[in-house]
Amino acid sequence: MMDDVLECLCKTIADLINCSEDEVTPEARLVEDLGFESIDFLELAMTVSSRYKVELDEDGLYLSSFRSLLRNASPEEAMERLRAAYPHLPVRELRHMLETADQGNVLKVSHVASYLQYRMQGSPSAQAG
């Protein structure tokens, strides 16, 4: 099912930003690699919310509090905060995000797909909205 979500998401993103589907890979960063702008994030959220019939939390979907979670935190504290905030992402991915945080926006297509999959499986936060 994750592959279906990822494939559909890649197509949606390609259509949204008028690019080739080949450019929208799981590892593509939405801002740095695909050139996402504010309106693109809004349109993507509306599209996937409607398509998958889930309520979205912007922070979970777009990792919007990522940088603030790192402030004044030791590496261990930062990891603990990230795991609590983003339970849909594997620990290895969170570690990679910490290592590459200085290279710009860390949000990847695969992160969005993981979040959607997590919400569709009825996560506790999906129930709370």
C-alpha atoms as a PDB file:
ATOM      1  CA  MET A   1       0.000   0.000   0.000  1.00  0.00           C
ATOM      2  CA  MET A   2       2.886   2.387   0.717  1.00  0.00           C
ATOM      3  CA  ASP A   3       4.076   1.952  -2.869  1.00  0.00           C
ATOM      4  CA  ASP A   4       0.600   2.892  -4.135  1.00  0.00           C
ATOM      5  CA  VAL A   5       0.534   6.022  -1.958  1.00  0.00           C
ATOM      6  CA  LEU A   6       4.040   6.981  -3.049  1.00  0.00           C
ATOM      7  CA  GLU A   7       3.296   6.414  -6.728  1.00  0.00           C
ATOM      8  CA  CYS A   8       0.077   8.434  -6.574  1.00  0.00           C
ATOM      9  CA  LEU A   9       1.789  11.196  -4.589  1.00  0.00           C
ATOM     10  CA  CYS A  10       4.625  11.443  -7.115  1.00  0.00           C
ATOM     11  CA  LYS A  11       2.133  11.785  -9.950  1.00  0.00           C
ATOM     12  CA  THR A  12       0.142  14.384  -8.001  1.00  0.00           C
ATOM     13  CA  ILE A  13       3.259  16.434  -7.308  1.00  0.00           C
ATOM     14  CA  ALA A  14       4.423  16.221 -10.933  1.00  0.00           C
ATOM     15  CA  ASP A  15       1.016  17.431 -12.123  1.00  0.00           C
ATOM     16  CA  LEU A  16       0.948  20.177  -9.511  1.00  0.00           C
ATOM     17  CA  ILE A  17       4.307  21.690 -10.419  1.00  0.00           C
ATOM     18  CA  ASN A  18       4.264  20.785 -14.129  1.00  0.00           C
ATOM     19  CA  CYS A  19       7.338  18.605 -14.190  1.00  0.00           C
ATOM     20  CA  SER A  20       8.207  15.137 -15.390  1.00  0.00           C
ATOM     21  CA  GLU A  21       7.207  12.275 -13.096  1.00  0.00           C
ATOM     22  CA  ASP A  22      10.832  11.105 -13.379  1.00  0.00           C
ATOM     23  CA  GLU A  23      11.915  14.200 -11.411  1.00  0.00           C
ATOM     24  CA  VAL A  24       9.650  13.362  -8.474  1.00  0.00           C
ATOM     25  CA  THR A  25      11.524  10.614  -6.674  1.00  0.00           C
ATOM     26  CA  PRO A  26      11.070   9.488  -3.050  1.00  0.00           C
ATOM     27  CA  GLU A  27      14.343  11.214  -2.137  1.00  0.00           C
ATOM     28  CA  ALA A  28      13.527  14.509  -3.889  1.00  0.00           C
ATOM     29  CA  ARG A  29      13.315  17.424  -1.475  1.00  0.00           C
ATOM     30  CA  LEU A  30      10.201  19.475  -2.097  1.00  0.00           C
ATOM     31  CA  VAL A  31      11.847  22.891  -1.824  1.00  0.00           C
ATOM     32  CA  GLU A  32      15.436  22.426  -2.924  1.00  0.00           C
ATOM     33  CA  ASP A  33      14.957  19.796  -5.635  1.00  0.00           C
ATOM     34  CA  LEU A  34      11.414  20.440  -6.873  1.00  0.00           C
ATOM     35  CA  GLY A  35      11.120  24.184  -6.279  1.00  0.00           C
ATOM     36  CA  PHE A  36       8.012  24.052  -4.095  1.00  0.00           C
ATOM     37  CA  GLU A  37       6.595  27.402  -3.018  1.00  0.00           C
ATOM     38  CA  SER A  38       3.951  28.270  -0.428  1.00  0.00           C
ATOM     39  CA  ILE A  39       1.042  27.908  -2.853  1.00  0.00           C
ATOM     40  CA  ASP A  40       2.304  24.458  -3.892  1.00  0.00           C
ATOM     41  CA  PHE A  41       2.233  23.274  -0.282  1.00  0.00           C
ATOM     42  CA  LEU A  42      -1.315  24.545   0.125  1.00  0.00           C
ATOM     43  CA  GLU A  43      -2.510  22.914  -3.094  1.00  0.00           C
ATOM     44  CA  LEU A  44      -0.818  19.628  -2.233  1.00  0.00           C
ATOM     45  CA  ALA A  45      -2.431  19.549   1.207  1.00  0.00           C
ATOM     46  CA  MET A  46      -5.886  20.215  -0.238  1.00  0.00           C
ATOM     47  CA  THR A  47      -5.420  17.592  -2.954  1.00  0.00           C
ATOM     48  CA  VAL A  48      -4.180  14.778  -0.727  1.00  0.00           C
ATOM     49  CA  SER A  49      -6.669  15.549   2.036  1.00  0.00           C
ATOM     50  CA  SER A  50      -9.491  15.219  -0.463  1.00  0.00           C
ATOM     51  CA  ARG A  51      -8.064  12.174  -2.254  1.00  0.00           C
ATOM     52  CA  TYR A  52      -7.239  10.164   0.870  1.00  0.00           C
ATOM     53  CA  LYS A  53     -10.107  11.442   3.037  1.00  0.00           C
ATOM     54  CA  VAL A  54      -7.876  12.284   5.992  1.00  0.00           C
ATOM     55  CA  GLU A  55      -7.502  15.352   8.139  1.00  0.00           C
ATOM     56  CA  LEU A  56      -3.979  16.664   7.913  1.00  0.00           C
ATOM     57  CA  ASP A  57      -1.785  18.198  10.541  1.00  0.00           C
ATOM     58  CA  GLU A  58       0.493  20.666   8.777  1.00  0.00           C
ATOM     59  CA  ASP A  59       3.434  19.978  11.073  1.00  0.00           C
ATOM     60  CA  GLY A  60       3.187  16.230  10.557  1.00  0.00           C
ATOM     61  CA  LEU A  61       2.710  16.599   6.821  1.00  0.00           C
ATOM     62  CA  TYR A  62       5.375  19.239   6.188  1.00  0.00           C
ATOM     63  CA  LEU A  63       7.644  18.901   9.259  1.00  0.00           C
ATOM     64  CA  SER A  64       7.078  22.607   9.861  1.00  0.00           C
ATOM     65  CA  SER A  65       8.358  22.618  13.454  1.00  0.00           C
ATOM     66  CA  PHE A  66      11.478  20.580  12.614  1.00  0.00           C
ATOM     67  CA  ARG A  67      13.954  23.419  13.220  1.00  0.00           C
ATOM     68  CA  SER A  68      12.279  24.634  16.399  1.00  0.00           C
ATOM     69  CA  LEU A  69      12.460  21.108  17.830  1.00  0.00           C
ATOM     70  CA  LEU A  70      16.239  21.217  17.440  1.00  0.00           C
ATOM     71  CA  ARG A  71      16.747  24.536  19.270  1.00  0.00           C
ATOM     72  CA  ASN A  72      18.680  24.284  22.514  1.00  0.00           C
ATOM     73  CA  ALA A  73      18.651  20.491  22.371  1.00  0.00           C
ATOM     74  CA  SER A  74      21.475  18.038  22.741  1.00  0.00           C
ATOM     75  CA  PRO A  75      21.626  15.421  19.967  1.00  0.00           C
ATOM     76  CA  GLU A  76      19.836  12.945  22.240  1.00  0.00           C
ATOM     77  CA  GLU A  77      17.139  15.456  23.162  1.00  0.00           C
ATOM     78  CA  ALA A  78      16.707  16.442  19.522  1.00  0.00           C
ATOM     79  CA  MET A  79      16.189  12.823  18.506  1.00  0.00           C
ATOM     80  CA  GLU A  80      13.698  12.277  21.310  1.00  0.00           C
ATOM     81  CA  ARG A  81      11.736  15.383  20.264  1.00  0.00           C
ATOM     82  CA  LEU A  82      11.735  14.353  16.606  1.00  0.00           C
ATOM     83  CA  ARG A  83      10.568  10.816  17.396  1.00  0.00           C
ATOM     84  CA  ALA A  84       7.674  12.223  19.430  1.00  0.00           C
ATOM     85  CA  ALA A  85       6.694  14.794  16.810  1.00  0.00           C
ATOM     86  CA  TYR A  86       7.099  12.564  13.749  1.00  0.00           C
ATOM     87  CA  PRO A  87       6.218   8.967  14.666  1.00  0.00           C
ATOM     88  CA  HIS A  88       5.572   8.207  11.004  1.00  0.00           C
ATOM     89  CA  LEU A  89       9.277   8.498  10.154  1.00  0.00           C
ATOM     90  CA  PRO A  90      11.791   5.729  10.887  1.00  0.00           C
ATOM     91  CA  VAL A  91      14.622   6.493  13.307  1.00  0.00           C
ATOM     92  CA  ARG A  92      17.230   6.075  10.549  1.00  0.00           C
ATOM     93  CA  GLU A  93      15.480   8.807   8.547  1.00  0.00           C
ATOM     94  CA  LEU A  94      15.304  11.102  11.572  1.00  0.00           C
ATOM     95  CA  ARG A  95      19.045  10.609  12.096  1.00  0.00           C
ATOM     96  CA  HIS A  96      19.697  11.448   8.457  1.00  0.00           C
ATOM     97  CA  MET A  97      17.572  14.581   8.802  1.00  0.00           C
ATOM     98  CA  LEU A  98      19.617  15.685  11.812  1.00  0.00           C
ATOM     99  CA  GLU A  99      22.842  15.103   9.901  1.00  0.00           C
ATOM    100  CA  THR A 100      21.697  17.099   6.885  1.00  0.00           C
ATOM    101  CA  ALA A 101      19.696  19.837   8.618  1.00  0.00           C
ATOM    102  CA  ASP A 102      22.244  22.463   7.638  1.00  0.00           C
ATOM    103  CA  GLN A 103      21.715  21.728   3.927  1.00  0.00           C
ATOM    104  CA  GLY A 104      18.314  23.399   3.683  1.00  0.00           C
ATOM    105  CA  ASN A 105      14.773  22.133   3.981  1.00  0.00           C
ATOM    106  CA  VAL A 106      14.792  18.429   4.852  1.00  0.00           C
ATOM    107  CA  LEU A 107      11.277  17.563   3.655  1.00  0.00           C
ATOM    108  CA  LYS A 108      11.271  14.791   1.033  1.00  0.00           C
ATOM    109  CA  VAL A 109       8.539  13.245  -1.060  1.00  0.00           C
ATOM    110  CA  SER A 110       8.954  10.016   0.940  1.00  0.00           C
ATOM    111  CA  HIS A 111       8.257  11.914   4.184  1.00  0.00           C
ATOM    112  CA  VAL A 112       4.921  13.122   2.843  1.00  0.00           C
ATOM    113  CA  ALA A 113       4.056   9.606   1.650  1.00  0.00           C
ATOM    114  CA  SER A 114       4.968   8.136   5.059  1.00  0.00           C
ATOM    115  CA  TYR A 115       2.770  10.685   6.782  1.00  0.00           C
ATOM    116  CA  LEU A 116      -0.188   9.933   4.503  1.00  0.00           C
ATOM    117  CA  GLN A 117       0.211   6.204   5.049  1.00  0.00           C
ATOM    118  CA  TYR A 118       0.400   6.738   8.803  1.00  0.00           C
ATOM    119  CA  ARG A 119      -2.783   8.830   8.822  1.00  0.00           C
ATOM    120  CA  MET A 120      -4.683   6.362   6.651  1.00  0.00           C
ATOM    121  CA  GLN A 121      -3.847   3.568   9.088  1.00  0.00           C
ATOM    122  CA  GLY A 122      -5.797   5.404  11.779  1.00  0.00           C
ATOM    123  CA  SER A 123      -3.022   6.862  13.900  1.00  0.00           C
ATOM    124  CA  PRO A 124      -4.108   8.236  17.289  1.00  0.00           C
ATOM    125  CA  SER A 125      -3.430  11.782  16.076  1.00  0.00           C
ATOM    126  CA  ALA A 126      -5.610  11.132  13.025  1.00  0.00           C
ATOM    127  CA  GLN A 127      -8.511  10.480  15.380  1.00  0.00           C
ATOM    128  CA  ALA A 128      -7.814  13.661  17.362  1.00  0.00           C
ATOM    129  CA  GLY A 129      -7.449  15.764  14.225  1.00  0.00           C
END
